[in-house]
Amino acid sequence: MEIFSLIAYLIIGIVAGFVGGLLGLSGGVITVPSLFFVFNLLGFPQGSVMHTAIGTSLAAMILTGIASTWTHHRHKGVVWHIVLSMIPGVFVGGLLGPYIAHFLSGIVLEILFGLFICFLGAYILLKKKKMEPASPPDKTVFTWMGLLIGTLSSLFGIGGGVFVVPLLIHFRFTEKKAIGTSAATGLFITFFATIAYMYFGMKVVNIRESLGYIYLPAFFLIGIAAVFFAPLGAKWAHRMKGTKLRKIFAGALILIGILMIFH
């Protein structure tokens, strides 16, 4: 079973990294439900399985976030004044999400995550028109947006990309700038949230090789695999027509969400 789990973590990291690079979405939408099912097979305590899946997913995304942010920064794809405007909100949200999750039962957290993933899949599937672009608001608005995005992202264990990219495109930023800025914002979200999940889980989780709600073997293997395969996914994104792929992915998200709710 130990060898199975190590192989599973590598596969999860490969798929999460590739899909994240290909579709510009957080690998967390793959990592969290996958870890949830693997941790259940390993017999982790039911009360902390979902919390540990979310915390571990966020921790693994720090590694990909560093690599991605640095790459986008080198290509001048990060709008740093937007990132700095969002950081105060992201900081509070990155701590608030884990705080809320800590006081939710595992079953409630599973259902909320399942509903969110179903909503995300439906949004991707049904979205046809782009929003009419608007001028960027005052930086205070970005701070409040950072609070909301940081809270939701850290609560569900996903990067902020699913929120930040469409938001910045709506405010007339190019797709490359939106993705680069999202990568930098997501790095701060995952960093703050990982510390919070580590802290809140310290006196709750009694799993060997865990640090709070972070399961270290999964964090390390998923993070390393994702770092190598995210760039490959990004390269494929420039070669393929993404419409059909996005529909398949959206359908898979809805199916995963349903399984999380009714498992």
C-alpha atoms as a PDB file:
ATOM      1  CA  MET A   1       0.000   0.000   0.000  1.00  0.00           C
ATOM      2  CA  GLU A   2       2.897   2.379   0.709  1.00  0.00           C
ATOM      3  CA  ILE A   3       4.374   1.879  -2.775  1.00  0.00           C
ATOM      4  CA  PHE A   4       0.898   2.348  -4.278  1.00  0.00           C
ATOM      5  CA  SER A   5       0.470   5.650  -2.455  1.00  0.00           C
ATOM      6  CA  LEU A   6       3.887   6.984  -3.531  1.00  0.00           C
ATOM      7  CA  ILE A   7       3.138   6.135  -7.159  1.00  0.00           C
ATOM      8  CA  ALA A   8      -0.308   7.713  -6.783  1.00  0.00           C
ATOM      9  CA  TYR A   9       1.217  10.982  -5.506  1.00  0.00           C
ATOM     10  CA  LEU A  10       3.556  11.146  -8.500  1.00  0.00           C
ATOM     11  CA  ILE A  11       0.681  10.513 -10.931  1.00  0.00           C
ATOM     12  CA  ILE A  12      -1.483  13.132  -9.189  1.00  0.00           C
ATOM     13  CA  GLY A  13       1.374  15.654  -9.435  1.00  0.00           C
ATOM     14  CA  ILE A  14       1.941  14.892 -13.124  1.00  0.00           C
ATOM     15  CA  VAL A  15      -1.759  15.237 -14.006  1.00  0.00           C
ATOM     16  CA  ALA A  16      -2.302  18.313 -11.806  1.00  0.00           C
ATOM     17  CA  GLY A  17       0.773  20.061 -13.191  1.00  0.00           C
ATOM     18  CA  PHE A  18      -0.060  19.221 -16.804  1.00  0.00           C
ATOM     19  CA  VAL A  19      -3.737  20.204 -16.530  1.00  0.00           C
ATOM     20  CA  GLY A  20      -2.856  23.368 -14.636  1.00  0.00           C
ATOM     21  CA  GLY A  21      -0.411  24.409 -17.352  1.00  0.00           C
ATOM     22  CA  LEU A  22      -2.722  23.369 -20.181  1.00  0.00           C
ATOM     23  CA  LEU A  23      -5.918  25.048 -19.025  1.00  0.00           C
ATOM     24  CA  GLY A  24      -4.560  27.828 -16.820  1.00  0.00           C
ATOM     25  CA  LEU A  25      -6.476  26.464 -13.826  1.00  0.00           C
ATOM     26  CA  SER A  26      -5.226  25.537 -10.403  1.00  0.00           C
ATOM     27  CA  GLY A  27      -3.923  22.009  -9.992  1.00  0.00           C
ATOM     28  CA  GLY A  28      -5.929  21.940  -6.760  1.00  0.00           C
ATOM     29  CA  VAL A  29      -9.085  20.937  -8.647  1.00  0.00           C
ATOM     30  CA  ILE A  30      -7.246  17.683  -9.448  1.00  0.00           C
ATOM     31  CA  THR A  31      -5.135  17.348  -6.311  1.00  0.00           C
ATOM     32  CA  VAL A  32      -7.782  17.782  -3.593  1.00  0.00           C
ATOM     33  CA  PRO A  33     -10.307  15.122  -4.747  1.00  0.00           C
ATOM     34  CA  SER A  34      -7.489  12.738  -5.722  1.00  0.00           C
ATOM     35  CA  LEU A  35      -5.830  13.020  -2.312  1.00  0.00           C
ATOM     36  CA  PHE A  36      -9.206  12.688  -0.638  1.00  0.00           C
ATOM     37  CA  PHE A  37      -9.744   9.268  -2.248  1.00  0.00           C
ATOM     38  CA  VAL A  38      -6.127   8.116  -1.686  1.00  0.00           C
ATOM     39  CA  PHE A  39      -6.180   9.178   1.984  1.00  0.00           C
ATOM     40  CA  ASN A  40      -9.452   7.313   2.451  1.00  0.00           C
ATOM     41  CA  LEU A  41      -7.881   4.152   0.993  1.00  0.00           C
ATOM     42  CA  LEU A  42      -4.952   4.577   3.393  1.00  0.00           C
ATOM     43  CA  GLY A  43      -7.344   4.701   6.328  1.00  0.00           C
ATOM     44  CA  PHE A  44      -6.669   8.250   7.477  1.00  0.00           C
ATOM     45  CA  PRO A  45      -9.031   9.437  10.272  1.00  0.00           C
ATOM     46  CA  GLN A  46     -12.353  10.417   8.666  1.00  0.00           C
ATOM     47  CA  GLY A  47     -12.614  13.670  10.584  1.00  0.00           C
ATOM     48  CA  SER A  48      -9.424  15.094   9.063  1.00  0.00           C
ATOM     49  CA  VAL A  49      -9.202  13.441   5.610  1.00  0.00           C
ATOM     50  CA  MET A  50     -10.641  16.403   3.682  1.00  0.00           C
ATOM     51  CA  HIS A  51      -8.735  18.971   5.734  1.00  0.00           C
ATOM     52  CA  THR A  52      -5.468  17.103   5.099  1.00  0.00           C
ATOM     53  CA  ALA A  53      -6.212  16.812   1.367  1.00  0.00           C
ATOM     54  CA  ILE A  54      -6.784  20.577   1.144  1.00  0.00           C
ATOM     55  CA  GLY A  55      -3.769  21.523   3.264  1.00  0.00           C
ATOM     56  CA  THR A  56      -1.455  19.172   1.370  1.00  0.00           C
ATOM     57  CA  SER A  57      -2.740  20.434  -1.989  1.00  0.00           C
ATOM     58  CA  LEU A  58      -2.023  24.039  -1.034  1.00  0.00           C
ATOM     59  CA  ALA A  59       1.460  23.176   0.247  1.00  0.00           C
ATOM     60  CA  ALA A  60       2.324  21.344  -2.991  1.00  0.00           C
ATOM     61  CA  MET A  61       1.222  24.359  -5.029  1.00  0.00           C
ATOM     62  CA  ILE A  62       3.858  26.542  -3.361  1.00  0.00           C
ATOM     63  CA  LEU A  63       6.577  24.786  -5.367  1.00  0.00           C
ATOM     64  CA  THR A  64       4.785  25.229  -8.700  1.00  0.00           C
ATOM     65  CA  GLY A  65       3.835  28.771  -7.703  1.00  0.00           C
ATOM     66  CA  ILE A  66       7.472  29.794  -7.180  1.00  0.00           C
ATOM     67  CA  ALA A  67       8.543  28.355 -10.540  1.00  0.00           C
ATOM     68  CA  SER A  68       5.552  29.819 -12.373  1.00  0.00           C
ATOM     69  CA  THR A  69       5.825  33.288 -10.804  1.00  0.00           C
ATOM     70  CA  TRP A  70       9.532  33.520 -11.554  1.00  0.00           C
ATOM     71  CA  THR A  71       8.975  32.498 -15.188  1.00  0.00           C
ATOM     72  CA  HIS A  72       6.151  35.018 -15.683  1.00  0.00           C
ATOM     73  CA  HIS A  73       8.199  37.735 -13.931  1.00  0.00           C
ATOM     74  CA  ARG A  74      11.140  37.162 -16.268  1.00  0.00           C
ATOM     75  CA  HIS A  75       8.785  37.627 -19.224  1.00  0.00           C
ATOM     76  CA  LYS A  76       7.320  40.765 -17.608  1.00  0.00           C
ATOM     77  CA  GLY A  77       3.950  39.051 -17.216  1.00  0.00           C
ATOM     78  CA  VAL A  78       3.301  40.030 -13.577  1.00  0.00           C
ATOM     79  CA  VAL A  79       1.511  43.315 -12.809  1.00  0.00           C
ATOM     80  CA  TRP A  80       3.128  43.765  -9.406  1.00  0.00           C
ATOM     81  CA  HIS A  81       1.137  46.830  -8.317  1.00  0.00           C
ATOM     82  CA  ILE A  82      -2.045  44.726  -8.593  1.00  0.00           C
ATOM     83  CA  VAL A  83      -0.411  41.910  -6.603  1.00  0.00           C
ATOM     84  CA  LEU A  84       0.695  44.364  -3.901  1.00  0.00           C
ATOM     85  CA  SER A  85      -2.817  45.852  -3.751  1.00  0.00           C
ATOM     86  CA  MET A  86      -4.296  42.393  -3.212  1.00  0.00           C
ATOM     87  CA  ILE A  87      -1.737  41.129  -0.668  1.00  0.00           C
ATOM     88  CA  PRO A  88      -3.393  42.612   2.485  1.00  0.00           C
ATOM     89  CA  GLY A  89      -6.709  40.967   1.562  1.00  0.00           C
ATOM     90  CA  VAL A  90      -4.988  37.778   0.422  1.00  0.00           C
ATOM     91  CA  PHE A  91      -3.110  37.590   3.731  1.00  0.00           C
ATOM     92  CA  VAL A  92      -6.283  37.833   5.813  1.00  0.00           C
ATOM     93  CA  GLY A  93      -8.210  35.543   3.456  1.00  0.00           C
ATOM     94  CA  GLY A  94      -5.381  33.010   3.398  1.00  0.00           C
ATOM     95  CA  LEU A  95      -5.702  32.688   7.184  1.00  0.00           C
ATOM     96  CA  LEU A  96      -9.496  33.024   7.333  1.00  0.00           C
ATOM     97  CA  GLY A  97     -10.187  30.135   4.916  1.00  0.00           C
ATOM     98  CA  PRO A  98      -8.254  27.539   6.974  1.00  0.00           C
ATOM     99  CA  TYR A  99      -9.796  28.938  10.180  1.00  0.00           C
ATOM    100  CA  ILE A 100     -13.299  28.353   8.777  1.00  0.00           C
ATOM    101  CA  ALA A 101     -12.316  24.910   7.438  1.00  0.00           C
ATOM    102  CA  HIS A 102     -10.883  23.902  10.830  1.00  0.00           C
ATOM    103  CA  PHE A 103     -14.282  24.344  12.482  1.00  0.00           C
ATOM    104  CA  LEU A 104     -16.244  22.584   9.742  1.00  0.00           C
ATOM    105  CA  SER A 105     -16.784  18.840   9.918  1.00  0.00           C
ATOM    106  CA  GLY A 106     -15.143  16.732   7.227  1.00  0.00           C
ATOM    107  CA  ILE A 107     -18.533  15.859   5.698  1.00  0.00           C
ATOM    108  CA  VAL A 108     -19.627  19.505   5.431  1.00  0.00           C
ATOM    109  CA  LEU A 109     -16.293  20.439   3.875  1.00  0.00           C
ATOM    110  CA  GLU A 110     -16.605  17.577   1.359  1.00  0.00           C
ATOM    111  CA  ILE A 111     -20.103  18.713   0.337  1.00  0.00           C
ATOM    112  CA  LEU A 112     -19.058  22.372   0.019  1.00  0.00           C
ATOM    113  CA  PHE A 113     -16.042  21.393  -2.082  1.00  0.00           C
ATOM    114  CA  GLY A 114     -18.214  19.128  -4.251  1.00  0.00           C
ATOM    115  CA  LEU A 115     -20.743  21.918  -4.831  1.00  0.00           C
ATOM    116  CA  PHE A 116     -17.975  24.374  -5.675  1.00  0.00           C
ATOM    117  CA  ILE A 117     -16.358  21.976  -8.168  1.00  0.00           C
ATOM    118  CA  CYS A 118     -19.761  21.313  -9.804  1.00  0.00           C
ATOM    119  CA  PHE A 119     -20.329  25.071 -10.098  1.00  0.00           C
ATOM    120  CA  LEU A 120     -16.869  25.575 -11.583  1.00  0.00           C
ATOM    121  CA  GLY A 121     -17.419  22.773 -14.110  1.00  0.00           C
ATOM    122  CA  ALA A 122     -20.816  24.199 -15.110  1.00  0.00           C
ATOM    123  CA  TYR A 123     -19.298  27.672 -15.476  1.00  0.00           C
ATOM    124  CA  ILE A 124     -16.554  26.396 -17.806  1.00  0.00           C
ATOM    125  CA  LEU A 125     -19.044  24.271 -19.761  1.00  0.00           C
ATOM    126  CA  LEU A 126     -21.688  26.948 -20.263  1.00  0.00           C
ATOM    127  CA  LYS A 127     -19.538  30.057 -20.609  1.00  0.00           C
ATOM    128  CA  LYS A 128     -19.846  31.408 -24.147  1.00  0.00           C
ATOM    129  CA  LYS A 129     -19.369  35.154 -24.114  1.00  0.00           C
ATOM    130  CA  LYS A 130     -16.640  37.183 -22.521  1.00  0.00           C
ATOM    131  CA  MET A 131     -17.706  39.940 -20.170  1.00  0.00           C
ATOM    132  CA  GLU A 132     -17.601  43.461 -21.519  1.00  0.00           C
ATOM    133  CA  PRO A 133     -14.204  44.833 -20.403  1.00  0.00           C
ATOM    134  CA  ALA A 134     -14.182  47.506 -17.704  1.00  0.00           C
ATOM    135  CA  SER A 135     -11.561  49.961 -16.474  1.00  0.00           C
ATOM    136  CA  PRO A 136      -9.458  48.800 -13.462  1.00  0.00           C
ATOM    137  CA  PRO A 137     -10.957  49.975 -10.146  1.00  0.00           C
ATOM    138  CA  ASP A 138      -9.214  51.671  -7.232  1.00  0.00           C
ATOM    139  CA  LYS A 139      -6.549  49.575  -5.460  1.00  0.00           C
ATOM    140  CA  THR A 140      -8.757  49.383  -2.352  1.00  0.00           C
ATOM    141  CA  VAL A 141     -11.257  47.367  -4.407  1.00  0.00           C
ATOM    142  CA  PHE A 142      -8.481  44.912  -5.317  1.00  0.00           C
ATOM    143  CA  THR A 143      -7.678  44.558  -1.599  1.00  0.00           C
ATOM    144  CA  TRP A 144     -11.277  43.536  -0.844  1.00  0.00           C
ATOM    145  CA  MET A 145     -11.277  41.224  -3.849  1.00  0.00           C
ATOM    146  CA  GLY A 146      -8.063  39.707  -2.499  1.00  0.00           C
ATOM    147  CA  LEU A 147      -9.845  39.004   0.782  1.00  0.00           C
ATOM    148  CA  LEU A 148     -12.700  37.152  -0.943  1.00  0.00           C
ATOM    149  CA  ILE A 149     -10.421  35.272  -3.365  1.00  0.00           C
ATOM    150  CA  GLY A 150      -7.943  34.377  -0.615  1.00  0.00           C
ATOM    151  CA  THR A 151     -10.708  33.047   1.634  1.00  0.00           C
ATOM    152  CA  LEU A 152     -12.393  30.889  -1.020  1.00  0.00           C
ATOM    153  CA  SER A 153      -9.098  29.638  -2.474  1.00  0.00           C
ATOM    154  CA  SER A 154      -7.681  28.610   0.904  1.00  0.00           C
ATOM    155  CA  LEU A 155     -11.001  27.138   2.084  1.00  0.00           C
ATOM    156  CA  PHE A 156     -11.208  24.801  -0.922  1.00  0.00           C
ATOM    157  CA  GLY A 157      -7.494  24.197  -1.458  1.00  0.00           C
ATOM    158  CA  ILE A 158      -7.231  25.700  -4.927  1.00  0.00           C
ATOM    159  CA  GLY A 159      -5.044  28.474  -6.285  1.00  0.00           C
ATOM    160  CA  GLY A 160      -6.613  31.825  -7.005  1.00  0.00           C
ATOM    161  CA  GLY A 161      -6.329  31.425 -10.775  1.00  0.00           C
ATOM    162  CA  VAL A 162      -9.953  30.409 -11.288  1.00  0.00           C
ATOM    163  CA  PHE A 163     -10.930  33.796  -9.854  1.00  0.00           C
ATOM    164  CA  VAL A 164      -8.027  36.148 -10.651  1.00  0.00           C
ATOM    165  CA  VAL A 165      -7.582  35.384 -14.373  1.00  0.00           C
ATOM    166  CA  PRO A 166     -11.184  36.149 -15.483  1.00  0.00           C
ATOM    167  CA  LEU A 167     -11.283  39.105 -13.092  1.00  0.00           C
ATOM    168  CA  LEU A 168      -8.188  40.772 -14.583  1.00  0.00           C
ATOM    169  CA  ILE A 169      -9.240  40.014 -18.166  1.00  0.00           C
ATOM    170  CA  HIS A 170     -12.520  41.753 -17.339  1.00  0.00           C
ATOM    171  CA  PHE A 171     -10.501  44.780 -16.219  1.00  0.00           C
ATOM    172  CA  ARG A 172      -8.741  45.032 -19.612  1.00  0.00           C
ATOM    173  CA  PHE A 173      -5.512  43.219 -18.799  1.00  0.00           C
ATOM    174  CA  THR A 174      -4.136  40.904 -21.464  1.00  0.00           C
ATOM    175  CA  GLU A 175      -4.475  37.160 -20.922  1.00  0.00           C
ATOM    176  CA  LYS A 176      -0.714  36.781 -20.408  1.00  0.00           C
ATOM    177  CA  LYS A 177      -0.662  39.569 -17.800  1.00  0.00           C
ATOM    178  CA  ALA A 178      -3.724  38.077 -16.103  1.00  0.00           C
ATOM    179  CA  ILE A 179      -2.169  34.598 -15.909  1.00  0.00           C
ATOM    180  CA  GLY A 180       1.191  35.934 -14.682  1.00  0.00           C
ATOM    181  CA  THR A 181      -0.396  38.151 -12.040  1.00  0.00           C
ATOM    182  CA  SER A 182      -2.646  35.283 -11.004  1.00  0.00           C
ATOM    183  CA  ALA A 183       0.402  33.035 -10.538  1.00  0.00           C
ATOM    184  CA  ALA A 184       2.039  35.585  -8.209  1.00  0.00           C
ATOM    185  CA  THR A 185      -1.181  36.171  -6.268  1.00  0.00           C
ATOM    186  CA  GLY A 186      -1.739  32.421  -5.968  1.00  0.00           C
ATOM    187  CA  LEU A 187       1.762  31.957  -4.572  1.00  0.00           C
ATOM    188  CA  PHE A 188       0.984  34.293  -1.664  1.00  0.00           C
ATOM    189  CA  ILE A 189      -2.408  32.640  -1.079  1.00  0.00           C
ATOM    190  CA  THR A 190      -0.909  29.145  -0.920  1.00  0.00           C
ATOM    191  CA  PHE A 191       1.975  30.291   1.311  1.00  0.00           C
ATOM    192  CA  PHE A 192      -0.248  31.992   3.919  1.00  0.00           C
ATOM    193  CA  ALA A 193      -2.858  29.218   3.788  1.00  0.00           C
ATOM    194  CA  THR A 194      -0.273  26.445   4.153  1.00  0.00           C
ATOM    195  CA  ILE A 195       1.071  28.019   7.343  1.00  0.00           C
ATOM    196  CA  ALA A 196      -2.494  28.281   8.678  1.00  0.00           C
ATOM    197  CA  TYR A 197      -3.374  24.653   7.842  1.00  0.00           C
ATOM    198  CA  MET A 198      -0.121  23.582   9.461  1.00  0.00           C
ATOM    199  CA  TYR A 199      -0.936  25.513  12.639  1.00  0.00           C
ATOM    200  CA  PHE A 200      -4.609  24.537  12.991  1.00  0.00           C
ATOM    201  CA  GLY A 201      -3.879  20.863  12.421  1.00  0.00           C
ATOM    202  CA  MET A 202      -1.012  20.548  14.905  1.00  0.00           C
ATOM    203  CA  LYS A 203      -3.127  19.368  17.827  1.00  0.00           C
ATOM    204  CA  VAL A 204      -5.734  17.581  15.709  1.00  0.00           C
ATOM    205  CA  VAL A 205      -3.907  15.318  13.244  1.00  0.00           C
ATOM    206  CA  ASN A 206      -2.089  12.265  14.578  1.00  0.00           C
ATOM    207  CA  ILE A 207      -0.917  10.884  11.245  1.00  0.00           C
ATOM    208  CA  ARG A 208       2.697   9.790  10.992  1.00  0.00           C
ATOM    209  CA  GLU A 209       4.776  12.004   8.634  1.00  0.00           C
ATOM    210  CA  SER A 210       2.262  14.842   8.796  1.00  0.00           C
ATOM    211  CA  LEU A 211       2.825  18.413   9.892  1.00  0.00           C
ATOM    212  CA  GLY A 212      -0.582  19.654  10.954  1.00  0.00           C
ATOM    213  CA  TYR A 213      -2.907  19.205   7.989  1.00  0.00           C
ATOM    214  CA  ILE A 214       0.079  18.787   5.621  1.00  0.00           C
ATOM    215  CA  TYR A 215       0.974  15.183   4.732  1.00  0.00           C
ATOM    216  CA  LEU A 216       4.671  15.515   3.852  1.00  0.00           C
ATOM    217  CA  PRO A 217       5.243  12.562   1.445  1.00  0.00           C
ATOM    218  CA  ALA A 218       2.310  13.668  -0.738  1.00  0.00           C
ATOM    219  CA  PHE A 219       3.336  17.330  -0.557  1.00  0.00           C
ATOM    220  CA  PHE A 220       6.886  16.590  -1.688  1.00  0.00           C
ATOM    221  CA  LEU A 221       6.131  14.136  -4.529  1.00  0.00           C
ATOM    222  CA  ILE A 222       3.143  16.044  -5.928  1.00  0.00           C
ATOM    223  CA  GLY A 223       5.016  19.348  -5.787  1.00  0.00           C
ATOM    224  CA  ILE A 224       8.108  18.016  -7.552  1.00  0.00           C
ATOM    225  CA  ALA A 225       6.116  16.215 -10.284  1.00  0.00           C
ATOM    226  CA  ALA A 226       3.892  19.245 -10.899  1.00  0.00           C
ATOM    227  CA  VAL A 227       6.891  21.578 -11.228  1.00  0.00           C
ATOM    228  CA  PHE A 228       8.225  19.496 -14.128  1.00  0.00           C
ATOM    229  CA  PHE A 229       4.924  18.883 -15.930  1.00  0.00           C
ATOM    230  CA  ALA A 230       3.252  22.307 -15.647  1.00  0.00           C
ATOM    231  CA  PRO A 231       5.570  23.805 -18.331  1.00  0.00           C
ATOM    232  CA  LEU A 232       4.774  20.848 -20.613  1.00  0.00           C
ATOM    233  CA  GLY A 233       1.056  21.527 -20.246  1.00  0.00           C
ATOM    234  CA  ALA A 234       1.636  25.198 -21.039  1.00  0.00           C
ATOM    235  CA  LYS A 235       3.490  24.250 -24.252  1.00  0.00           C
ATOM    236  CA  TRP A 236       0.647  21.967 -25.348  1.00  0.00           C
ATOM    237  CA  ALA A 237      -1.819  24.772 -24.701  1.00  0.00           C
ATOM    238  CA  HIS A 238      -0.257  26.722 -27.569  1.00  0.00           C
ATOM    239  CA  ARG A 239      -0.549  23.750 -29.947  1.00  0.00           C
ATOM    240  CA  MET A 240      -4.101  22.573 -29.274  1.00  0.00           C
ATOM    241  CA  LYS A 241      -7.579  23.933 -29.698  1.00  0.00           C
ATOM    242  CA  GLY A 242      -8.821  24.097 -26.152  1.00  0.00           C
ATOM    243  CA  THR A 243     -12.604  24.169 -26.718  1.00  0.00           C
ATOM    244  CA  LYS A 244     -13.267  20.409 -26.729  1.00  0.00           C
ATOM    245  CA  LEU A 245     -10.660  19.801 -24.051  1.00  0.00           C
ATOM    246  CA  ARG A 246     -12.248  22.362 -21.759  1.00  0.00           C
ATOM    247  CA  LYS A 247     -15.678  20.733 -22.238  1.00  0.00           C
ATOM    248  CA  ILE A 248     -14.265  17.309 -21.327  1.00  0.00           C
ATOM    249  CA  PHE A 249     -12.509  18.797 -18.302  1.00  0.00           C
ATOM    250  CA  ALA A 250     -15.671  20.642 -17.236  1.00  0.00           C
ATOM    251  CA  GLY A 251     -17.655  17.403 -17.446  1.00  0.00           C
ATOM    252  CA  ALA A 252     -15.005  15.629 -15.366  1.00  0.00           C
ATOM    253  CA  LEU A 253     -15.192  18.380 -12.721  1.00  0.00           C
ATOM    254  CA  ILE A 254     -18.976  17.999 -12.447  1.00  0.00           C
ATOM    255  CA  LEU A 255     -18.596  14.224 -12.094  1.00  0.00           C
ATOM    256  CA  ILE A 256     -15.907  14.640  -9.406  1.00  0.00           C
ATOM    257  CA  GLY A 257     -18.095  17.148  -7.572  1.00  0.00           C
ATOM    258  CA  ILE A 258     -21.054  14.733  -7.580  1.00  0.00           C
ATOM    259  CA  LEU A 259     -18.850  11.912  -6.284  1.00  0.00           C
ATOM    260  CA  MET A 260     -17.548  14.152  -3.485  1.00  0.00           C
ATOM    261  CA  ILE A 261     -21.104  15.055  -2.440  1.00  0.00           C
ATOM    262  CA  PHE A 262     -22.652  11.580  -2.594  1.00  0.00           C
ATOM    263  CA  HIS A 263     -19.706   9.256  -1.930  1.00  0.00           C
END
